[in-house]
PDB file of N, CA and C in Angstrom:
ATOM      1  N   MET A   1     -22.963  18.118   2.603  1.00  0.00           N
ATOM      2  CA  MET A   1     -22.677  17.179   1.545  1.00  0.00           C
ATOM      3  C   MET A   1     -21.178  17.192   1.263  1.00  0.00           C
ATOM      4  N   ALA A   2     -20.602  16.030   1.111  1.00  0.00           N
ATOM      5  CA  ALA A   2     -19.171  15.910   0.853  1.00  0.00           C
ATOM      6  C   ALA A   2     -18.889  16.135  -0.622  1.00  0.00           C
ATOM      7  N   LYS A   3     -17.785  16.794  -0.920  1.00  0.00           N
ATOM      8  CA  LYS A   3     -17.421  17.087  -2.300  1.00  0.00           C
ATOM      9  C   LYS A   3     -15.978  16.690  -2.545  1.00  0.00           C
ATOM     10  N   GLY A   4     -15.656  16.371  -3.778  1.00  0.00           N
ATOM     11  CA  GLY A   4     -14.273  16.152  -4.180  1.00  0.00           C
ATOM     12  C   GLY A   4     -13.593  14.979  -3.496  1.00  0.00           C
ATOM     13  N   GLY A   5     -14.297  13.886  -3.269  1.00  0.00           N
ATOM     14  CA  GLY A   5     -13.670  12.718  -2.674  1.00  0.00           C
ATOM     15  C   GLY A   5     -13.634  12.739  -1.160  1.00  0.00           C
ATOM     16  N   GLN A   6     -14.186  13.773  -0.543  1.00  0.00           N
ATOM     17  CA  GLN A   6     -14.216  13.844   0.905  1.00  0.00           C
ATOM     18  C   GLN A   6     -15.359  12.991   1.425  1.00  0.00           C
ATOM     19  N   THR A   7     -15.205  12.487   2.636  1.00  0.00           N
ATOM     20  CA  THR A   7     -16.283  11.731   3.247  1.00  0.00           C
ATOM     21  C   THR A   7     -16.931  12.575   4.325  1.00  0.00           C
ATOM     22  N   GLU A   8     -18.179  12.315   4.546  1.00  0.00           N
ATOM     23  CA  GLU A   8     -18.878  13.048   5.587  1.00  0.00           C
ATOM     24  C   GLU A   8     -18.410  12.551   6.939  1.00  0.00           C
ATOM     25  N   SER A   9     -18.504  13.399   7.955  1.00  0.00           N
ATOM     26  CA  SER A   9     -17.953  13.064   9.260  1.00  0.00           C
ATOM     27  C   SER A   9     -18.662  11.886   9.902  1.00  0.00           C
ATOM     28  N   GLY A  10     -19.893  11.607   9.568  1.00  0.00           N
ATOM     29  CA  GLY A  10     -20.608  10.497  10.175  1.00  0.00           C
ATOM     30  C   GLY A  10     -20.638   9.267   9.298  1.00  0.00           C
ATOM     31  N   GLY A  11     -19.852   9.230   8.247  1.00  0.00           N
ATOM     32  CA  GLY A  11     -19.871   8.128   7.290  1.00  0.00           C
ATOM     33  C   GLY A  11     -19.257   6.868   7.836  1.00  0.00           C
ATOM     34  N   PRO A  12     -19.257   5.794   7.040  1.00  0.00           N
ATOM     35  CA  PRO A  12     -18.739   4.520   7.506  1.00  0.00           C
ATOM     36  C   PRO A  12     -17.237   4.525   7.735  1.00  0.00           C
ATOM     37  N   SER A  13     -16.525   5.514   7.194  1.00  0.00           N
ATOM     38  CA  SER A  13     -15.079   5.547   7.399  1.00  0.00           C
ATOM     39  C   SER A  13     -14.689   6.420   8.581  1.00  0.00           C
ATOM     40  N   ALA A  14     -15.660   6.815   9.393  1.00  0.00           N
ATOM     41  CA  ALA A  14     -15.346   7.583  10.591  1.00  0.00           C
ATOM     42  C   ALA A  14     -14.572   6.696  11.558  1.00  0.00           C
ATOM     43  N   PRO A  15     -13.614   7.242  12.323  1.00  0.00           N
ATOM     44  CA  PRO A  15     -12.737   6.423  13.158  1.00  0.00           C
ATOM     45  C   PRO A  15     -13.455   5.484  14.108  1.00  0.00           C
ATOM     46  N   GLY A  16     -14.573   5.874  14.671  1.00  0.00           N
ATOM     47  CA  GLY A  16     -15.266   5.009  15.607  1.00  0.00           C
ATOM     48  C   GLY A  16     -16.060   3.906  14.938  1.00  0.00           C
ATOM     49  N   GLN A  17     -16.205   3.947  13.619  1.00  0.00           N
ATOM     50  CA  GLN A  17     -17.050   3.005  12.905  1.00  0.00           C
ATOM     51  C   GLN A  17     -16.288   1.842  12.289  1.00  0.00           C
ATOM     52  N   LEU A  18     -14.967   1.871  12.290  1.00  0.00           N
ATOM     53  CA  LEU A  18     -14.194   0.814  11.659  1.00  0.00           C
ATOM     54  C   LEU A  18     -14.260  -0.463  12.482  1.00  0.00           C
ATOM     55  N   PRO A  19     -14.497  -1.607  11.820  1.00  0.00           N
ATOM     56  CA  PRO A  19     -14.518  -2.865  12.555  1.00  0.00           C
ATOM     57  C   PRO A  19     -13.106  -3.333  12.870  1.00  0.00           C
ATOM     58  N   GLY A  20     -12.990  -4.211  13.838  1.00  0.00           N
ATOM     59  CA  GLY A  20     -11.698  -4.784  14.177  1.00  0.00           C
ATOM     60  C   GLY A  20     -11.169  -4.262  15.494  1.00  0.00           C
ATOM     61  N   SER A  21     -10.037  -4.808  15.860  1.00  0.00           N
ATOM     62  CA  SER A  21      -9.431  -4.446  17.136  1.00  0.00           C
ATOM     63  C   SER A  21      -8.716  -3.092  17.031  1.00  0.00           C
ATOM     64  N   ASP A  22      -8.200  -2.646  18.166  1.00  0.00           N
ATOM     65  CA  ASP A  22      -7.475  -1.372  18.190  1.00  0.00           C
ATOM     66  C   ASP A  22      -6.227  -1.428  17.316  1.00  0.00           C
ATOM     67  N   ALA A  23      -5.556  -2.591  17.290  1.00  0.00           N
ATOM     68  CA  ALA A  23      -4.336  -2.724  16.483  1.00  0.00           C
ATOM     69  C   ALA A  23      -4.642  -2.586  14.997  1.00  0.00           C
ATOM     70  N   VAL A  24      -5.736  -3.176  14.553  1.00  0.00           N
ATOM     71  CA  VAL A  24      -6.118  -3.080  13.141  1.00  0.00           C
ATOM     72  C   VAL A  24      -6.501  -1.653  12.795  1.00  0.00           C
ATOM     73  N   ARG A  25      -7.268  -1.010  13.664  1.00  0.00           N
ATOM     74  CA  ARG A  25      -7.644   0.385  13.409  1.00  0.00           C
ATOM     75  C   ARG A  25      -6.414   1.289  13.396  1.00  0.00           C
ATOM     76  N   ALA A  26      -5.444   0.998  14.268  1.00  0.00           N
ATOM     77  CA  ALA A  26      -4.216   1.800  14.291  1.00  0.00           C
ATOM     78  C   ALA A  26      -3.411   1.598  13.005  1.00  0.00           C
ATOM     79  N   ALA A  27      -3.376   0.367  12.494  1.00  0.00           N
ATOM     80  CA  ALA A  27      -2.652   0.099  11.243  1.00  0.00           C
ATOM     81  C   ALA A  27      -3.301   0.848  10.083  1.00  0.00           C
ATOM     82  N   TRP A  28      -4.635   0.823  10.013  1.00  0.00           N
ATOM     83  CA  TRP A  28      -5.320   1.557   8.943  1.00  0.00           C
ATOM     84  C   TRP A  28      -5.126   3.062   9.105  1.00  0.00           C
ATOM     85  N   ALA A  29      -5.082   3.535  10.338  1.00  0.00           N
ATOM     86  CA  ALA A  29      -4.854   4.966  10.572  1.00  0.00           C
ATOM     87  C   ALA A  29      -3.464   5.374  10.097  1.00  0.00           C
ATOM     88  N   ARG A  30      -2.463   4.490  10.306  1.00  0.00           N
ATOM     89  CA  ARG A  30      -1.112   4.785   9.811  1.00  0.00           C
ATOM     90  C   ARG A  30      -1.104   4.862   8.295  1.00  0.00           C
ATOM     91  N   LYS A  31      -1.833   3.955   7.635  1.00  0.00           N
ATOM     92  CA  LYS A  31      -1.910   3.983   6.171  1.00  0.00           C
ATOM     93  C   LYS A  31      -2.568   5.276   5.712  1.00  0.00           C
ATOM     94  N   ASP A  32      -3.666   5.656   6.362  1.00  0.00           N
ATOM     95  CA  ASP A  32      -4.365   6.879   5.977  1.00  0.00           C
ATOM     96  C   ASP A  32      -3.524   8.122   6.228  1.00  0.00           C
ATOM     97  N   ALA A  33      -2.617   8.046   7.204  1.00  0.00           N
ATOM     98  CA  ALA A  33      -1.733   9.175   7.500  1.00  0.00           C
ATOM     99  C   ALA A  33      -0.541   9.232   6.543  1.00  0.00           C
ATOM    100  N   GLY A  34      -0.350   8.190   5.733  1.00  0.00           N
ATOM    101  CA  GLY A  34       0.724   8.188   4.748  1.00  0.00           C
ATOM    102  C   GLY A  34       1.878   7.262   5.070  1.00  0.00           C
ATOM    103  N   ASP A  35       1.856   6.596   6.209  1.00  0.00           N
ATOM    104  CA  ASP A  35       2.942   5.685   6.599  1.00  0.00           C
ATOM    105  C   ASP A  35       2.598   4.273   6.119  1.00  0.00           C
ATOM    106  N   VAL A  36       2.764   4.035   4.823  1.00  0.00           N
ATOM    107  CA  VAL A  36       2.371   2.762   4.226  1.00  0.00           C
ATOM    108  C   VAL A  36       3.271   1.628   4.712  1.00  0.00           C
ATOM    109  N   ALA A  37       4.577   1.873   4.792  1.00  0.00           N
ATOM    110  CA  ALA A  37       5.498   0.825   5.242  1.00  0.00           C
ATOM    111  C   ALA A  37       5.202   0.428   6.688  1.00  0.00           C
ATOM    112  N   GLY A  38       4.948   1.390   7.532  1.00  0.00           N
ATOM    113  CA  GLY A  38       4.618   1.092   8.919  1.00  0.00           C
ATOM    114  C   GLY A  38       3.304   0.347   9.035  1.00  0.00           C
ATOM    115  N   ALA A  39       2.323   0.710   8.202  1.00  0.00           N
ATOM    116  CA  ALA A  39       1.032   0.029   8.213  1.00  0.00           C
ATOM    117  C   ALA A  39       1.184  -1.421   7.776  1.00  0.00           C
ATOM    118  N   ARG A  40       2.035  -1.658   6.758  1.00  0.00           N
ATOM    119  CA  ARG A  40       2.265  -3.041   6.320  1.00  0.00           C
ATOM    120  C   ARG A  40       2.929  -3.862   7.420  1.00  0.00           C
ATOM    121  N   LYS A  41       3.890  -3.267   8.124  1.00  0.00           N
ATOM    122  CA  LYS A  41       4.548  -3.984   9.226  1.00  0.00           C
ATOM    123  C   LYS A  41       3.547  -4.313  10.328  1.00  0.00           C
ATOM    124  N   ASP A  42       2.669  -3.369  10.635  1.00  0.00           N
ATOM    125  CA  ASP A  42       1.650  -3.615  11.647  1.00  0.00           C
ATOM    126  C   ASP A  42       0.725  -4.758  11.216  1.00  0.00           C
ATOM    127  N   ALA A  43       0.306  -4.753   9.945  1.00  0.00           N
ATOM    128  CA  ALA A  43      -0.582  -5.802   9.446  1.00  0.00           C
ATOM    129  C   ALA A  43       0.112  -7.162   9.473  1.00  0.00           C
ATOM    130  N   GLU A  44       1.388  -7.205   9.116  1.00  0.00           N
ATOM    131  CA  GLU A  44       2.124  -8.472   9.152  1.00  0.00           C
ATOM    132  C   GLU A  44       2.280  -8.960  10.589  1.00  0.00           C
ATOM    133  N   ARG A  45       2.479  -8.034  11.524  1.00  0.00           N
ATOM    134  CA  ARG A  45       2.594  -8.410  12.936  1.00  0.00           C
ATOM    135  C   ARG A  45       1.265  -8.966  13.456  1.00  0.00           C
ATOM    136  N   ILE A  46       0.158  -8.361  13.017  1.00  0.00           N
ATOM    137  CA  ILE A  46      -1.157  -8.851  13.410  1.00  0.00           C
ATOM    138  C   ILE A  46      -1.380 -10.258  12.877  1.00  0.00           C
ATOM    139  N   LEU A  47      -1.016 -10.486  11.612  1.00  0.00           N
ATOM    140  CA  LEU A  47      -1.215 -11.802  11.011  1.00  0.00           C
ATOM    141  C   LEU A  47      -0.278 -12.851  11.589  1.00  0.00           C
ATOM    142  N   ALA A  48       0.865 -12.434  12.121  1.00  0.00           N
ATOM    143  CA  ALA A  48       1.806 -13.389  12.715  1.00  0.00           C
ATOM    144  C   ALA A  48       1.263 -13.963  14.018  1.00  0.00           C
ATOM    145  N   GLY A  49       0.410 -13.220  14.688  1.00  0.00           N
ATOM    146  CA  GLY A  49      -0.198 -13.701  15.922  1.00  0.00           C
ATOM    147  C   GLY A  49      -1.395 -14.585  15.612  1.00  0.00           C
ATOM    148  N   THR A  50      -2.308 -14.644  16.542  1.00  0.00           N
ATOM    149  CA  THR A  50      -3.538 -15.402  16.328  1.00  0.00           C
ATOM    150  C   THR A  50      -4.718 -14.434  16.366  1.00  0.00           C
ATOM    151  N   PRO A  51      -4.944 -13.728  15.241  1.00  0.00           N
ATOM    152  CA  PRO A  51      -6.007 -12.725  15.219  1.00  0.00           C
ATOM    153  C   PRO A  51      -7.384 -13.370  15.068  1.00  0.00           C
ATOM    154  N   SER A  52      -8.402 -12.621  15.399  1.00  0.00           N
ATOM    155  CA  SER A  52      -9.768 -13.073  15.155  1.00  0.00           C
ATOM    156  C   SER A  52     -10.004 -13.075  13.642  1.00  0.00           C
ATOM    157  N   PRO A  53     -11.017 -13.806  13.181  1.00  0.00           N
ATOM    158  CA  PRO A  53     -11.270 -13.822  11.726  1.00  0.00           C
ATOM    159  C   PRO A  53     -11.497 -12.426  11.141  1.00  0.00           C
ATOM    160  N   GLU A  54     -12.168 -11.568  11.897  1.00  0.00           N
ATOM    161  CA  GLU A  54     -12.412 -10.209  11.408  1.00  0.00           C
ATOM    162  C   GLU A  54     -11.107  -9.423  11.306  1.00  0.00           C
ATOM    163  N   ASP A  55     -10.229  -9.554  12.319  1.00  0.00           N
ATOM    164  CA  ASP A  55      -8.942  -8.867  12.277  1.00  0.00           C
ATOM    165  C   ASP A  55      -8.070  -9.413  11.160  1.00  0.00           C
ATOM    166  N   ARG A  56      -8.109 -10.724  10.948  1.00  0.00           N
ATOM    167  CA  ARG A  56      -7.335 -11.330   9.861  1.00  0.00           C
ATOM    168  C   ARG A  56      -7.776 -10.771   8.518  1.00  0.00           C
ATOM    169  N   GLU A  57      -9.082 -10.676   8.310  1.00  0.00           N
ATOM    170  CA  GLU A  57      -9.597 -10.157   7.045  1.00  0.00           C
ATOM    171  C   GLU A  57      -9.201  -8.705   6.837  1.00  0.00           C
ATOM    172  N   ARG A  58      -9.315  -7.881   7.872  1.00  0.00           N
ATOM    173  CA  ARG A  58      -8.950  -6.470   7.761  1.00  0.00           C
ATOM    174  C   ARG A  58      -7.450  -6.296   7.512  1.00  0.00           C
ATOM    175  N   ALA A  59      -6.608  -7.128   8.170  1.00  0.00           N
ATOM    176  CA  ALA A  59      -5.157  -7.044   7.965  1.00  0.00           C
ATOM    177  C   ALA A  59      -4.793  -7.475   6.546  1.00  0.00           C
ATOM    178  N   GLU A  60      -5.446  -8.521   6.046  1.00  0.00           N
ATOM    179  CA  GLU A  60      -5.182  -8.954   4.670  1.00  0.00           C
ATOM    180  C   GLU A  60      -5.648  -7.898   3.674  1.00  0.00           C
ATOM    181  N   ASP A  61      -6.766  -7.250   3.962  1.00  0.00           N
ATOM    182  CA  ASP A  61      -7.232  -6.155   3.103  1.00  0.00           C
ATOM    183  C   ASP A  61      -6.213  -5.013   3.078  1.00  0.00           C
ATOM    184  N   LEU A  62      -5.636  -4.725   4.232  1.00  0.00           N
ATOM    185  CA  LEU A  62      -4.625  -3.667   4.312  1.00  0.00           C
ATOM    186  C   LEU A  62      -3.395  -4.029   3.491  1.00  0.00           C
ATOM    187  N   LEU A  63      -2.957  -5.285   3.564  1.00  0.00           N
ATOM    188  CA  LEU A  63      -1.798  -5.707   2.769  1.00  0.00           C
ATOM    189  C   LEU A  63      -2.098  -5.629   1.281  1.00  0.00           C
ATOM    190  N   ARG A  64      -3.314  -6.019   0.882  1.00  0.00           N
ATOM    191  CA  ARG A  64      -3.683  -5.924  -0.534  1.00  0.00           C
ATOM    192  C   ARG A  64      -3.759  -4.462  -0.983  1.00  0.00           C
ATOM    193  N   ALA A  65      -4.262  -3.595  -0.127  1.00  0.00           N
ATOM    194  CA  ALA A  65      -4.420  -2.183  -0.487  1.00  0.00           C
ATOM    195  C   ALA A  65      -3.084  -1.459  -0.612  1.00  0.00           C
ATOM    196  N   THR A  66      -2.050  -1.969   0.063  1.00  0.00           N
ATOM    197  CA  THR A  66      -0.761  -1.279   0.054  1.00  0.00           C
ATOM    198  C   THR A  66       0.293  -2.015  -0.758  1.00  0.00           C
ATOM    199  N   ALA A  67      -0.101  -3.055  -1.486  1.00  0.00           N
ATOM    200  CA  ALA A  67       0.857  -3.813  -2.295  1.00  0.00           C
ATOM    201  C   ALA A  67       1.269  -3.000  -3.531  1.00  0.00           C
ATOM    202  N   THR A  68       2.498  -3.203  -3.958  1.00  0.00           N
ATOM    203  CA  THR A  68       2.984  -2.547  -5.171  1.00  0.00           C
ATOM    204  C   THR A  68       2.405  -3.267  -6.385  1.00  0.00           C
ATOM    205  N   PRO A  69       1.794  -2.547  -7.329  1.00  0.00           N
ATOM    206  CA  PRO A  69       1.238  -3.199  -8.518  1.00  0.00           C
ATOM    207  C   PRO A  69       2.338  -3.888  -9.333  1.00  0.00           C
ATOM    208  N   ARG A  70       2.045  -5.080  -9.815  1.00  0.00           N
ATOM    209  CA  ARG A  70       3.031  -5.846 -10.585  1.00  0.00           C
ATOM    210  C   ARG A  70       3.427  -5.141 -11.875  1.00  0.00           C
ATOM    211  N   ALA A  71       2.528  -4.387 -12.464  1.00  0.00           N
ATOM    212  CA  ALA A  71       2.835  -3.687 -13.706  1.00  0.00           C
ATOM    213  C   ALA A  71       3.962  -2.684 -13.504  1.00  0.00           C
ATOM    214  N   LEU A  72       4.098  -2.160 -12.311  1.00  0.00           N
ATOM    215  CA  LEU A  72       5.158  -1.197 -12.032  1.00  0.00           C
ATOM    216  C   LEU A  72       6.536  -1.829 -12.213  1.00  0.00           C
ATOM    217  N   TYR A  73       6.679  -3.080 -11.811  1.00  0.00           N
ATOM    218  CA  TYR A  73       7.955  -3.775 -12.001  1.00  0.00           C
ATOM    219  C   TYR A  73       8.259  -3.965 -13.485  1.00  0.00           C
ATOM    220  N   GLY A  74       7.231  -4.215 -14.286  1.00  0.00           N
ATOM    221  CA  GLY A  74       7.429  -4.344 -15.731  1.00  0.00           C
ATOM    222  C   GLY A  74       7.904  -3.039 -16.358  1.00  0.00           C
ATOM    223  N   TYR A  75       7.318  -1.937 -15.948  1.00  0.00           N
ATOM    224  CA  TYR A  75       7.748  -0.635 -16.471  1.00  0.00           C
ATOM    225  C   TYR A  75       9.177  -0.302 -16.028  1.00  0.00           C
ATOM    226  N   ALA A  76       9.521  -0.666 -14.813  1.00  0.00           N
ATOM    227  CA  ALA A  76      10.888  -0.425 -14.342  1.00  0.00           C
ATOM    228  C   ALA A  76      11.885  -1.247 -15.150  1.00  0.00           C
ATOM    229  N   LEU A  77      11.536  -2.492 -15.427  1.00  0.00           N
ATOM    230  CA  LEU A  77      12.404  -3.348 -16.233  1.00  0.00           C
ATOM    231  C   LEU A  77      12.537  -2.796 -17.653  1.00  0.00           C
ATOM    232  N   LEU A  78      11.439  -2.357 -18.218  1.00  0.00           N
ATOM    233  CA  LEU A  78      11.478  -1.773 -19.560  1.00  0.00           C
ATOM    234  C   LEU A  78      12.362  -0.525 -19.584  1.00  0.00           C
ATOM    235  N   GLY A  79      12.247   0.310 -18.574  1.00  0.00           N
ATOM    236  CA  GLY A  79      13.095   1.502 -18.499  1.00  0.00           C
ATOM    237  C   GLY A  79      14.569   1.151 -18.377  1.00  0.00           C
ATOM    238  N   ALA A  80      14.877   0.112 -17.586  1.00  0.00           N
ATOM    239  CA  ALA A  80      16.267  -0.303 -17.436  1.00  0.00           C
ATOM    240  C   ALA A  80      16.823  -0.847 -18.753  1.00  0.00           C
ATOM    241  N   VAL A  81      16.016  -1.592 -19.484  1.00  0.00           N
ATOM    242  CA  VAL A  81      16.460  -2.133 -20.780  1.00  0.00           C
ATOM    243  C   VAL A  81      16.700  -1.000 -21.770  1.00  0.00           C
ATOM    244  N   ILE A  82      15.800  -0.047 -21.826  1.00  0.00           N
ATOM    245  CA  ILE A  82      15.973   1.092 -22.736  1.00  0.00           C
ATOM    246  C   ILE A  82      17.222   1.881 -22.368  1.00  0.00           C
ATOM    247  N   LEU A  83      17.441   2.108 -21.095  1.00  0.00           N
ATOM    248  CA  LEU A  83      18.641   2.817 -20.653  1.00  0.00           C
ATOM    249  C   LEU A  83      19.903   2.050 -21.048  1.00  0.00           C
ATOM    250  N   ALA A  84      19.902   0.727 -20.885  1.00  0.00           N
ATOM    251  CA  ALA A  84      21.065  -0.080 -21.246  1.00  0.00           C
ATOM    252  C   ALA A  84      21.327  -0.025 -22.751  1.00  0.00           C
ATOM    253  N   VAL A  85      20.265  -0.071 -23.541  1.00  0.00           N
ATOM    254  CA  VAL A  85      20.430  -0.002 -25.000  1.00  0.00           C
ATOM    255  C   VAL A  85      20.989   1.361 -25.398  1.00  0.00           C
ATOM    256  N   LEU A  86      20.456   2.434 -24.840  1.00  0.00           N
ATOM    257  CA  LEU A  86      20.956   3.760 -25.168  1.00  0.00           C
ATOM    258  C   LEU A  86      22.402   3.939 -24.727  1.00  0.00           C
ATOM    259  N   LEU A  87      22.736   3.423 -23.564  1.00  0.00           N
ATOM    260  CA  LEU A  87      24.129   3.498 -23.095  1.00  0.00           C
ATOM    261  C   LEU A  87      25.041   2.703 -24.008  1.00  0.00           C
ATOM    262  N   GLY A  88      24.593   1.521 -24.404  1.00  0.00           N
ATOM    263  CA  GLY A  88      25.395   0.724 -25.344  1.00  0.00           C
ATOM    264  C   GLY A  88      25.591   1.422 -26.669  1.00  0.00           C
ATOM    265  N   LEU A  89      24.545   2.050 -27.192  1.00  0.00           N
ATOM    266  CA  LEU A  89      24.683   2.788 -28.446  1.00  0.00           C
ATOM    267  C   LEU A  89      25.630   3.975 -28.308  1.00  0.00           C
ATOM    268  N   ALA A  90      25.563   4.672 -27.189  1.00  0.00           N
ATOM    269  CA  ALA A  90      26.449   5.815 -26.969  1.00  0.00           C
ATOM    270  C   ALA A  90      27.894   5.349 -26.856  1.00  0.00           C
ATOM    271  N   LEU A  91      28.122   4.236 -26.170  1.00  0.00           N
ATOM    272  CA  LEU A  91      29.484   3.744 -26.025  1.00  0.00           C
ATOM    273  C   LEU A  91      30.070   3.285 -27.361  1.00  0.00           C
ATOM    274  N   THR A  92      29.256   2.643 -28.203  1.00  0.00           N
ATOM    275  CA  THR A  92      29.786   2.215 -29.502  1.00  0.00           C
ATOM    276  C   THR A  92      29.977   3.394 -30.443  1.00  0.00           C
ATOM    277  N   ARG A  93      29.173   4.426 -30.297  1.00  0.00           N
ATOM    278  CA  ARG A  93      29.288   5.587 -31.183  1.00  0.00           C
ATOM    279  C   ARG A  93      30.516   6.429 -30.854  1.00  0.00           C
ATOM    280  N   TYR A  94      30.793   6.617 -29.570  1.00  0.00           N
ATOM    281  CA  TYR A  94      31.859   7.524 -29.174  1.00  0.00           C
ATOM    282  C   TYR A  94      33.143   6.820 -28.714  1.00  0.00           C
ATOM    283  N   SER A  95      33.253   5.550 -28.976  1.00  0.00           N
ATOM    284  CA  SER A  95      34.510   4.884 -28.593  1.00  0.00           C
ATOM    285  C   SER A  95      35.336   4.512 -29.805  1.00  0.00           C
TER     286      SER A  95
END
C-alpha cells in the first residue's frame, strides 16, 4: 500500500502506462524529474508540429500544469509597491 503521496508501482502513473508518444512521455518525465522549463519547451515544440489529438491534449495539460499562477504576479507587485513606499519613507526621513 502506498503512503504519504507515493504511488504504487503498478498504478496508472507508471512509466509504461502513460498515453501519448515517446516525446510526450519524455516531456512529462522531465517535469517529474524537476526540469519544468525543459518540459515546457518540449511541450511547445510538440505543439508547434502536427501532433495527434492525444499528444496535443497531453502537451496542453503539461503546459497548464507548469504555468505560473497569476496570483503570484499580484503578490510580487504588492511586494514591490511596499518596498517602494518604505524606501520613499526612509529617503524622506533621513534626507
